[in-house]
PDB file of N, CA and C in Angstrom:
ATOM      1  N   UNK A   1     125.334  90.490  86.520  1.00  0.00           N
ATOM      2  CA  UNK A   1     125.328  90.820  87.912  1.00  0.00           C
ATOM      3  C   UNK A   1     124.761  92.194  88.162  1.00  0.00           C
ATOM      4  N   UNK A   2     124.392  92.408  89.374  1.00  0.00           N
ATOM      5  CA  UNK A   2     123.827  93.696  89.758  1.00  0.00           C
ATOM      6  C   UNK A   2     124.916  94.588  90.324  1.00  0.00           C
ATOM      7  N   UNK A   3     124.693  95.872  90.215  1.00  0.00           N
ATOM      8  CA  UNK A   3     125.643  96.837  90.755  1.00  0.00           C
ATOM      9  C   UNK A   3     125.019  97.490  91.984  1.00  0.00           C
ATOM     10  N   UNK A   4     125.801  97.685  93.020  1.00  0.00           N
ATOM     11  CA  UNK A   4     125.252  98.205  94.278  1.00  0.00           C
ATOM     12  C   UNK A   4     125.163  99.728  94.311  1.00  0.00           C
ATOM     13  N   UNK A   5     124.622 100.335  93.282  1.00  0.00           N
ATOM     14  CA  UNK A   5     124.470 101.784  93.293  1.00  0.00           C
ATOM     15  C   UNK A   5     123.271 102.184  92.451  1.00  0.00           C
ATOM     16  N   UNK A   6     122.834 103.410  92.646  1.00  0.00           N
ATOM     17  CA  UNK A   6     121.745 103.985  91.887  1.00  0.00           C
ATOM     18  C   UNK A   6     122.289 105.231  91.209  1.00  0.00           C
ATOM     19  N   UNK A   7     121.939 105.448  89.969  1.00  0.00           N
ATOM     20  CA  UNK A   7     122.442 106.616  89.244  1.00  0.00           C
ATOM     21  C   UNK A   7     122.078 107.928  89.934  1.00  0.00           C
ATOM     22  N   UNK A   8     120.964 107.953  90.645  1.00  0.00           N
ATOM     23  CA  UNK A   8     120.563 109.187  91.343  1.00  0.00           C
ATOM     24  C   UNK A   8     121.524 109.548  92.466  1.00  0.00           C
ATOM     25  N   UNK A   9     122.347 108.603  92.897  1.00  0.00           N
ATOM     26  CA  UNK A   9     123.284 108.865  93.987  1.00  0.00           C
ATOM     27  C   UNK A   9     124.526 109.621  93.536  1.00  0.00           C
ATOM     28  N   UNK A  10     124.754 109.725  92.239  1.00  0.00           N
ATOM     29  CA  UNK A  10     125.934 110.417  91.731  1.00  0.00           C
ATOM     30  C   UNK A  10     125.704 111.921  91.690  1.00  0.00           C
ATOM     31  N   UNK A  11     126.759 112.688  91.935  1.00  0.00           N
ATOM     32  CA  UNK A  11     126.654 114.147  91.888  1.00  0.00           C
ATOM     33  C   UNK A  11     126.261 114.616  90.494  1.00  0.00           C
ATOM     34  N   UNK A  12     126.845 114.005  89.469  1.00  0.00           N
ATOM     35  CA  UNK A  12     126.548 114.377  88.090  1.00  0.00           C
ATOM     36  C   UNK A  12     125.877 113.190  87.408  1.00  0.00           C
ATOM     37  N   UNK A  13     124.559 113.124  87.570  1.00  0.00           N
ATOM     38  CA  UNK A  13     123.799 111.967  87.093  1.00  0.00           C
ATOM     39  C   UNK A  13     123.933 111.780  85.582  1.00  0.00           C
ATOM     40  N   UNK A  14     123.982 112.873  84.830  1.00  0.00           N
ATOM     41  CA  UNK A  14     124.078 112.778  83.367  1.00  0.00           C
ATOM     42  C   UNK A  14     125.380 112.080  82.952  1.00  0.00           C
ATOM     43  N   UNK A  15     126.499 112.450  83.585  1.00  0.00           N
ATOM     44  CA  UNK A  15     127.781 111.806  83.279  1.00  0.00           C
ATOM     45  C   UNK A  15     127.769 110.341  83.717  1.00  0.00           C
ATOM     46  N   UNK A  16     127.144 110.075  84.854  1.00  0.00           N
ATOM     47  CA  UNK A  16     127.057 108.698  85.341  1.00  0.00           C
ATOM     48  C   UNK A  16     126.275 107.838  84.354  1.00  0.00           C
ATOM     49  N   UNK A  17     125.166 108.371  83.817  1.00  0.00           N
ATOM     50  CA  UNK A  17     124.371 107.628  82.837  1.00  0.00           C
ATOM     51  C   UNK A  17     125.197 107.301  81.599  1.00  0.00           C
ATOM     52  N   UNK A  18     125.981 108.281  81.137  1.00  0.00           N
ATOM     53  CA  UNK A  18     126.818 108.037  79.954  1.00  0.00           C
ATOM     54  C   UNK A  18     127.842 106.944  80.240  1.00  0.00           C
ATOM     55  N   UNK A  19     128.473 106.999  81.408  1.00  0.00           N
ATOM     56  CA  UNK A  19     129.472 105.995  81.765  1.00  0.00           C
ATOM     57  C   UNK A  19     128.871 104.613  81.904  1.00  0.00           C
ATOM     58  N   UNK A  20     127.723 104.539  82.553  1.00  0.00           N
ATOM     59  CA  UNK A  20     127.062 103.245  82.742  1.00  0.00           C
ATOM     60  C   UNK A  20     126.593 102.695  81.397  1.00  0.00           C
ATOM     61  N   UNK A  21     126.060 103.562  80.536  1.00  0.00           N
ATOM     62  CA  UNK A  21     125.634 103.120  79.204  1.00  0.00           C
ATOM     63  C   UNK A  21     126.808 102.523  78.441  1.00  0.00           C
ATOM     64  N   UNK A  22     127.954 103.173  78.508  1.00  0.00           N
ATOM     65  CA  UNK A  22     129.158 102.666  77.845  1.00  0.00           C
ATOM     66  C   UNK A  22     129.554 101.298  78.415  1.00  0.00           C
ATOM     67  N   UNK A  23     129.488 101.161  79.728  1.00  0.00           N
ATOM     68  CA  UNK A  23     129.822  99.877  80.366  1.00  0.00           C
ATOM     69  C   UNK A  23     128.840  98.781  79.957  1.00  0.00           C
ATOM     70  N   UNK A  24     127.544  99.109  79.896  1.00  0.00           N
ATOM     71  CA  UNK A  24     126.529  98.132  79.481  1.00  0.00           C
ATOM     72  C   UNK A  24     126.763  97.724  78.029  1.00  0.00           C
ATOM     73  N   UNK A  25     127.070  98.704  77.159  1.00  0.00           N
ATOM     74  CA  UNK A  25     127.308  98.405  75.741  1.00  0.00           C
ATOM     75  C   UNK A  25     128.505  97.485  75.533  1.00  0.00           C
ATOM     76  N   UNK A  26     129.458  97.508  76.446  1.00  0.00           N
ATOM     77  CA  UNK A  26     130.642  96.655  76.339  1.00  0.00           C
ATOM     78  C   UNK A  26     130.555  95.429  77.263  1.00  0.00           C
ATOM     79  N   UNK A  27     129.338  95.151  77.755  1.00  0.00           N
ATOM     80  CA  UNK A  27     129.076  93.976  78.602  1.00  0.00           C
ATOM     81  C   UNK A  27     129.934  93.934  79.861  1.00  0.00           C
ATOM     82  N   UNK A  28     130.281  95.104  80.393  1.00  0.00           N
ATOM     83  CA  UNK A  28     131.037  95.152  81.644  1.00  0.00           C
ATOM     84  C   UNK A  28     130.110  95.079  82.849  1.00  0.00           C
ATOM     85  N   UNK A  29     128.918  95.618  82.711  1.00  0.00           N
ATOM     86  CA  UNK A  29     127.898  95.533  83.757  1.00  0.00           C
ATOM     87  C   UNK A  29     126.553  95.275  83.093  1.00  0.00           C
ATOM     88  N   UNK A  30     125.600  94.822  83.873  1.00  0.00           N
ATOM     89  CA  UNK A  30     124.246  94.588  83.385  1.00  0.00           C
ATOM     90  C   UNK A  30     123.285  95.396  84.237  1.00  0.00           C
ATOM     91  N   UNK A  31     122.212  95.905  83.644  1.00  0.00           N
ATOM     92  CA  UNK A  31     121.231  96.637  84.452  1.00  0.00           C
ATOM     93  C   UNK A  31     120.535  95.692  85.423  1.00  0.00           C
ATOM     94  N   UNK A  32     120.097  96.238  86.537  1.00  0.00           N
ATOM     95  CA  UNK A  32     119.376  95.460  87.543  1.00  0.00           C
ATOM     96  C   UNK A  32     117.981  95.160  87.026  1.00  0.00           C
ATOM     97  N   UNK A  33     117.641  93.909  86.974  1.00  0.00           N
ATOM     98  CA  UNK A  33     116.316  93.516  86.511  1.00  0.00           C
ATOM     99  C   UNK A  33     115.366  93.479  87.709  1.00  0.00           C
ATOM    100  N   UNK A  34     114.212  94.085  87.556  1.00  0.00           N
ATOM    101  CA  UNK A  34     113.220  94.099  88.623  1.00  0.00           C
ATOM    102  C   UNK A  34     112.566  92.725  88.686  1.00  0.00           C
ATOM    103  N   UNK A  35     112.573  92.134  89.865  1.00  0.00           N
ATOM    104  CA  UNK A  35     111.992  90.812  90.067  1.00  0.00           C
ATOM    105  C   UNK A  35     110.713  90.932  90.891  1.00  0.00           C
ATOM    106  N   UNK A  36     109.800  90.019  90.691  1.00  0.00           N
ATOM    107  CA  UNK A  36     108.582  90.002  91.494  1.00  0.00           C
ATOM    108  C   UNK A  36     108.140  88.559  91.658  1.00  0.00           C
ATOM    109  N   UNK A  37     107.364  88.309  92.701  1.00  0.00           N
ATOM    110  CA  UNK A  37     106.893  86.953  92.949  1.00  0.00           C
ATOM    111  C   UNK A  37     105.417  86.848  92.591  1.00  0.00           C
ATOM    112  N   UNK A  38     104.997  85.628  92.326  1.00  0.00           N
ATOM    113  CA  UNK A  38     103.596  85.372  92.028  1.00  0.00           C
ATOM    114  C   UNK A  38     102.793  85.484  93.320  1.00  0.00           C
ATOM    115  N   UNK A  39     101.512  85.721  93.189  1.00  0.00           N
ATOM    116  CA  UNK A  39     100.639  85.836  94.358  1.00  0.00           C
ATOM    117  C   UNK A  39     100.718  84.563  95.200  1.00  0.00           C
ATOM    118  N   UNK A  40     100.792  84.720  96.505  1.00  0.00           N
ATOM    119  CA  UNK A  40     100.828  83.628  97.483  1.00  0.00           C
ATOM    120  C   UNK A  40     102.072  82.747  97.393  1.00  0.00           C
ATOM    121  N   UNK A  41     103.125  83.219  96.774  1.00  0.00           N
ATOM    122  CA  UNK A  41     104.387  82.481  96.687  1.00  0.00           C
ATOM    123  C   UNK A  41     105.397  83.096  97.649  1.00  0.00           C
ATOM    124  N   UNK A  42     106.240  82.262  98.234  1.00  0.00           N
ATOM    125  CA  UNK A  42     107.306  82.735  99.117  1.00  0.00           C
ATOM    126  C   UNK A  42     108.607  82.685  98.330  1.00  0.00           C
ATOM    127  N   UNK A  43     109.321  83.791  98.328  1.00  0.00           N
ATOM    128  CA  UNK A  43     110.567  83.891  97.571  1.00  0.00           C
ATOM    129  C   UNK A  43     111.642  84.470  98.475  1.00  0.00           C
ATOM    130  N   UNK A  44     112.841  83.940  98.377  1.00  0.00           N
ATOM    131  CA  UNK A  44     113.975  84.485  99.129  1.00  0.00           C
ATOM    132  C   UNK A  44     115.126  84.713  98.161  1.00  0.00           C
ATOM    133  N   UNK A  45     115.820  85.824  98.354  1.00  0.00           N
ATOM    134  CA  UNK A  45     116.998  86.119  97.540  1.00  0.00           C
ATOM    135  C   UNK A  45     118.185  86.301  98.468  1.00  0.00           C
ATOM    136  N   UNK A  46     119.303  85.744  98.088  1.00  0.00           N
ATOM    137  CA  UNK A  46     120.537  85.905  98.842  1.00  0.00           C
ATOM    138  C   UNK A  46     121.568  86.454  97.876  1.00  0.00           C
ATOM    139  N   UNK A  47     122.046  87.653  98.149  1.00  0.00           N
ATOM    140  CA  UNK A  47     122.976  88.310  97.234  1.00  0.00           C
ATOM    141  C   UNK A  47     124.279  88.625  97.941  1.00  0.00           C
ATOM    142  N   UNK A  48     125.337  88.709  97.155  1.00  0.00           N
ATOM    143  CA  UNK A  48     126.639  89.100  97.685  1.00  0.00           C
ATOM    144  C   UNK A  48     127.463  89.672  96.545  1.00  0.00           C
ATOM    145  N   UNK A  49     128.539  90.342  96.894  1.00  0.00           N
ATOM    146  CA  UNK A  49     129.443  90.922  95.905  1.00  0.00           C
ATOM    147  C   UNK A  49     130.758  90.166  95.939  1.00  0.00           C
ATOM    148  N   UNK A  50     131.247  89.800  94.771  1.00  0.00           N
ATOM    149  CA  UNK A  50     132.495  89.052  94.650  1.00  0.00           C
ATOM    150  C   UNK A  50     133.465  89.842  93.787  1.00  0.00           C
ATOM    151  N   UNK A  51     134.700  89.971  94.266  1.00  0.00           N
ATOM    152  CA  UNK A  51     135.759  90.555  93.453  1.00  0.00           C
ATOM    153  C   UNK A  51     136.467  89.418  92.735  1.00  0.00           C
ATOM    154  N   UNK A  52     136.663  89.559  91.445  1.00  0.00           N
ATOM    155  CA  UNK A  52     137.385  88.547  90.679  1.00  0.00           C
ATOM    156  C   UNK A  52     138.845  88.954  90.653  1.00  0.00           C
ATOM    157  N   UNK A  53     139.623  88.346  91.534  1.00  0.00           N
ATOM    158  CA  UNK A  53     141.030  88.691  91.700  1.00  0.00           C
ATOM    159  C   UNK A  53     141.910  87.693  90.941  1.00  0.00           C
ATOM    160  N   UNK A  54     143.172  88.062  90.723  1.00  0.00           N
ATOM    161  CA  UNK A  54     144.116  87.186  90.025  1.00  0.00           C
ATOM    162  C   UNK A  54     144.298  85.860  90.761  1.00  0.00           C
ATOM    163  N   UNK A  55     144.229  85.893  92.096  1.00  0.00           N
ATOM    164  CA  UNK A  55     144.418  84.670  92.884  1.00  0.00           C
ATOM    165  C   UNK A  55     143.094  83.974  93.212  1.00  0.00           C
ATOM    166  N   UNK A  56     142.014  84.381  92.559  1.00  0.00           N
ATOM    167  CA  UNK A  56     140.729  83.724  92.748  1.00  0.00           C
ATOM    168  C   UNK A  56     139.661  84.676  93.251  1.00  0.00           C
ATOM    169  N   UNK A  57     138.410  84.208  93.334  1.00  0.00           N
ATOM    170  CA  UNK A  57     137.309  85.063  93.776  1.00  0.00           C
ATOM    171  C   UNK A  57     137.422  85.422  95.254  1.00  0.00           C
ATOM    172  N   UNK A  58     136.900  86.604  95.599  1.00  0.00           N
ATOM    173  CA  UNK A  58     136.928  87.059  96.993  1.00  0.00           C
ATOM    174  C   UNK A  58     135.597  87.737  97.305  1.00  0.00           C
ATOM    175  N   UNK A  59     134.787  87.101  98.173  1.00  0.00           N
ATOM    176  CA  UNK A  59     133.486  87.669  98.558  1.00  0.00           C
ATOM    177  C   UNK A  59     133.721  88.813  99.524  1.00  0.00           C
ATOM    178  N   UNK A  60     133.128  89.986  99.219  1.00  0.00           N
ATOM    179  CA  UNK A  60     133.343  91.149 100.079  1.00  0.00           C
ATOM    180  C   UNK A  60     132.079  91.622 100.787  1.00  0.00           C
ATOM    181  N   UNK A  61     130.899  91.201 100.348  1.00  0.00           N
ATOM    182  CA  UNK A  61     129.666  91.575 101.039  1.00  0.00           C
ATOM    183  C   UNK A  61     128.745  90.369 101.098  1.00  0.00           C
ATOM    184  N   UNK A  62     127.732  90.463 101.930  1.00  0.00           N
ATOM    185  CA  UNK A  62     126.739  89.406 102.045  1.00  0.00           C
ATOM    186  C   UNK A  62     126.819  88.724 103.392  1.00  0.00           C
ATOM    187  N   UNK A  63     125.691  88.227 103.823  1.00  0.00           N
ATOM    188  CA  UNK A  63     125.613  87.540 105.107  1.00  0.00           C
ATOM    189  C   UNK A  63     125.961  86.070 104.944  1.00  0.00           C
ATOM    190  N   UNK A  64     126.377  85.411 106.021  1.00  0.00           N
ATOM    191  CA  UNK A  64     126.618  83.964 105.936  1.00  0.00           C
ATOM    192  C   UNK A  64     125.314  83.242 105.590  1.00  0.00           C
ATOM    193  N   UNK A  65     125.425  82.149 104.871  1.00  0.00           N
ATOM    194  CA  UNK A  65     124.243  81.400 104.446  1.00  0.00           C
ATOM    195  C   UNK A  65     124.402  79.941 104.849  1.00  0.00           C
ATOM    196  N   UNK A  66     123.498  79.457 105.686  1.00  0.00           N
ATOM    197  CA  UNK A  66     123.517  78.065 106.133  1.00  0.00           C
ATOM    198  C   UNK A  66     122.389  77.324 105.421  1.00  0.00           C
ATOM    199  N   UNK A  67     122.735  76.527 104.410  1.00  0.00           N
ATOM    200  CA  UNK A  67     121.714  75.817 103.633  1.00  0.00           C
ATOM    201  C   UNK A  67     120.919  74.839 104.489  1.00  0.00           C
ATOM    202  N   UNK A  68     121.476  74.405 105.614  1.00  0.00           N
ATOM    203  CA  UNK A  68     120.779  73.480 106.491  1.00  0.00           C
ATOM    204  C   UNK A  68     119.540  74.083 107.147  1.00  0.00           C
ATOM    205  N   UNK A  69     119.426  75.405 107.125  1.00  0.00           N
ATOM    206  CA  UNK A  69     118.278  76.073 107.739  1.00  0.00           C
ATOM    207  C   UNK A  69     117.078  76.178 106.800  1.00  0.00           C
ATOM    208  N   UNK A  70     117.260  75.783 105.533  1.00  0.00           N
ATOM    209  CA  UNK A  70     116.214  75.984 104.534  1.00  0.00           C
ATOM    210  C   UNK A  70     115.914  74.686 103.804  1.00  0.00           C
ATOM    211  N   UNK A  71     114.676  74.571 103.366  1.00  0.00           N
ATOM    212  CA  UNK A  71     114.248  73.380 102.651  1.00  0.00           C
ATOM    213  C   UNK A  71     113.468  73.818 101.417  1.00  0.00           C
ATOM    214  N   UNK A  72     113.684  73.130 100.310  1.00  0.00           N
ATOM    215  CA  UNK A  72     112.985  73.467  99.074  1.00  0.00           C
ATOM    216  C   UNK A  72     112.297  72.231  98.527  1.00  0.00           C
ATOM    217  N   UNK A  73     111.186  72.449  97.876  1.00  0.00           N
ATOM    218  CA  UNK A  73     110.489  71.342  97.221  1.00  0.00           C
ATOM    219  C   UNK A  73     111.095  71.054  95.840  1.00  0.00           C
ATOM    220  N   UNK A  74     112.012  71.910  95.390  1.00  0.00           N
ATOM    221  CA  UNK A  74     112.657  71.750  94.092  1.00  0.00           C
ATOM    222  C   UNK A  74     114.047  71.155  94.270  1.00  0.00           C
ATOM    223  N   UNK A  75     114.536  70.473  93.249  1.00  0.00           N
ATOM    224  CA  UNK A  75     115.877  69.898  93.308  1.00  0.00           C
ATOM    225  C   UNK A  75     116.654  70.272  92.049  1.00  0.00           C
ATOM    226  N   UNK A  76     117.969  70.247  92.180  1.00  0.00           N
ATOM    227  CA  UNK A  76     118.857  70.499  91.047  1.00  0.00           C
ATOM    228  C   UNK A  76     119.433  69.155  90.630  1.00  0.00           C
ATOM    229  N   UNK A  77     119.244  68.795  89.362  1.00  0.00           N
ATOM    230  CA  UNK A  77     119.687  67.491  88.874  1.00  0.00           C
ATOM    231  C   UNK A  77     120.966  67.559  88.044  1.00  0.00           C
ATOM    232  N   UNK A  78     121.308  68.709  87.529  1.00  0.00           N
ATOM    233  CA  UNK A  78     122.503  68.863  86.690  1.00  0.00           C
ATOM    234  C   UNK A  78     123.755  68.721  87.549  1.00  0.00           C
ATOM    235  N   UNK A  79     124.591  67.680  87.321  1.00  0.00           N
ATOM    236  CA  UNK A  79     125.774  67.448  88.161  1.00  0.00           C
ATOM    237  C   UNK A  79     126.766  68.614  88.145  1.00  0.00           C
ATOM    238  N   UNK A  80     126.955  69.237  86.978  1.00  0.00           N
ATOM    239  CA  UNK A  80     127.888  70.365  86.896  1.00  0.00           C
ATOM    240  C   UNK A  80     127.393  71.547  87.726  1.00  0.00           C
ATOM    241  N   UNK A  81     126.096  71.802  87.672  1.00  0.00           N
ATOM    242  CA  UNK A  81     125.524  72.898  88.448  1.00  0.00           C
ATOM    243  C   UNK A  81     125.612  72.607  89.942  1.00  0.00           C
ATOM    244  N   UNK A  82     125.413  71.345  90.335  1.00  0.00           N
ATOM    245  CA  UNK A  82     125.549  70.969  91.747  1.00  0.00           C
ATOM    246  C   UNK A  82     126.965  71.239  92.251  1.00  0.00           C
ATOM    247  N   UNK A  83     127.962  70.901  91.441  1.00  0.00           N
ATOM    248  CA  UNK A  83     129.362  71.151  91.822  1.00  0.00           C
ATOM    249  C   UNK A  83     129.605  72.648  91.968  1.00  0.00           C
ATOM    250  N   UNK A  84     129.109  73.422  91.006  1.00  0.00           N
ATOM    251  CA  UNK A  84     129.283  74.874  91.061  1.00  0.00           C
ATOM    252  C   UNK A  84     128.631  75.460  92.310  1.00  0.00           C
ATOM    253  N   UNK A  85     127.415  75.041  92.613  1.00  0.00           N
ATOM    254  CA  UNK A  85     126.704  75.571  93.776  1.00  0.00           C
ATOM    255  C   UNK A  85     127.345  75.157  95.095  1.00  0.00           C
ATOM    256  N   UNK A  86     128.031  74.032  95.116  1.00  0.00           N
ATOM    257  CA  UNK A  86     128.668  73.593  96.361  1.00  0.00           C
ATOM    258  C   UNK A  86     130.058  74.199  96.546  1.00  0.00           C
ATOM    259  N   UNK A  87     130.562  74.887  95.527  1.00  0.00           N
ATOM    260  CA  UNK A  87     131.896  75.486  95.636  1.00  0.00           C
ATOM    261  C   UNK A  87     131.842  76.781  96.446  1.00  0.00           C
ATOM    262  N   UNK A  88     132.962  77.140  97.021  1.00  0.00           N
ATOM    263  CA  UNK A  88     133.053  78.338  97.849  1.00  0.00           C
ATOM    264  C   UNK A  88     133.240  79.572  96.977  1.00  0.00           C
ATOM    265  N   UNK A  89     132.655  80.696  97.406  1.00  0.00           N
ATOM    266  CA  UNK A  89     132.885  81.964  96.707  1.00  0.00           C
ATOM    267  C   UNK A  89     134.094  82.672  97.278  1.00  0.00           C
ATOM    268  N   UNK A  90     134.703  82.077  98.285  1.00  0.00           N
ATOM    269  CA  UNK A  90     135.889  82.656  98.912  1.00  0.00           C
ATOM    270  C   UNK A  90     136.849  81.517  99.267  1.00  0.00           C
ATOM    271  N   UNK A  91     137.360  80.785  98.257  1.00  0.00           N
ATOM    272  CA  UNK A  91     138.141  79.576  98.535  1.00  0.00           C
ATOM    273  C   UNK A  91     139.427  79.822  99.313  1.00  0.00           C
ATOM    274  N   UNK A  92     140.042  80.979  99.176  1.00  0.00           N
ATOM    275  CA  UNK A  92     141.299  81.241  99.881  1.00  0.00           C
ATOM    276  C   UNK A  92     141.107  81.263 101.393  1.00  0.00           C
ATOM    277  N   UNK A  93     139.963  81.727 101.857  1.00  0.00           N
ATOM    278  CA  UNK A  93     139.689  81.755 103.294  1.00  0.00           C
ATOM    279  C   UNK A  93     139.595  80.335 103.823  1.00  0.00           C
ATOM    280  N   UNK A  94     138.947  79.461 103.086  1.00  0.00           N
ATOM    281  CA  UNK A  94     138.807  78.068 103.512  1.00  0.00           C
ATOM    282  C   UNK A  94     140.178  77.406 103.590  1.00  0.00           C
ATOM    283  N   UNK A  95     141.027  77.646 102.583  1.00  0.00           N
ATOM    284  CA  UNK A  95     142.363  77.053 102.590  1.00  0.00           C
ATOM    285  C   UNK A  95     143.151  77.508 103.807  1.00  0.00           C
ATOM    286  N   UNK A  96     143.070  78.779 104.146  1.00  0.00           N
ATOM    287  CA  UNK A  96     143.808  79.300 105.293  1.00  0.00           C
ATOM    288  C   UNK A  96     143.294  78.686 106.589  1.00  0.00           C
ATOM    289  N   UNK A  97     141.956  78.525 106.695  1.00  0.00           N
ATOM    290  CA  UNK A  97     141.383  77.936 107.904  1.00  0.00           C
ATOM    291  C   UNK A  97     141.817  76.482 108.042  1.00  0.00           C
ATOM    292  N   UNK A  98     141.882  75.744 106.928  1.00  0.00           N
ATOM    293  CA  UNK A  98     142.272  74.336 106.972  1.00  0.00           C
ATOM    294  C   UNK A  98     143.736  74.174 107.341  1.00  0.00           C
ATOM    295  N   UNK A  99     144.581  75.158 106.978  1.00  0.00           N
ATOM    296  CA  UNK A  99     146.005  75.080 107.277  1.00  0.00           C
ATOM    297  C   UNK A  99     146.276  75.234 108.767  1.00  0.00           C
ATOM    298  N   UNK A 100     145.407  75.976 109.498  1.00  0.00           N
ATOM    299  CA  UNK A 100     145.619  76.235 110.935  1.00  0.00           C
ATOM    300  C   UNK A 100     145.437  75.013 111.788  1.00  0.00           C
TER     301      UNK A 100
END
């Protein structure tokens, strides 16, 4: 996953680099990979931040996403991946809404 910060934003960048390096070495965080699109290709990215809590995941950032507004020429055939993609990133909110 990506982290929502830049090392240059820290007051003590040298200490921040050491801390981040330690976290990367222990697989706690991963560096942000620079992505690019091919010429004449349209690409969209939708990102959000999720807290992994004891009672389940909790999405804390990101805009709402309505899949009905978008169409792709590609399809996902793996049934397990389809189930994962259709699951909520904030299941507790859905449960509370259904209870009302």
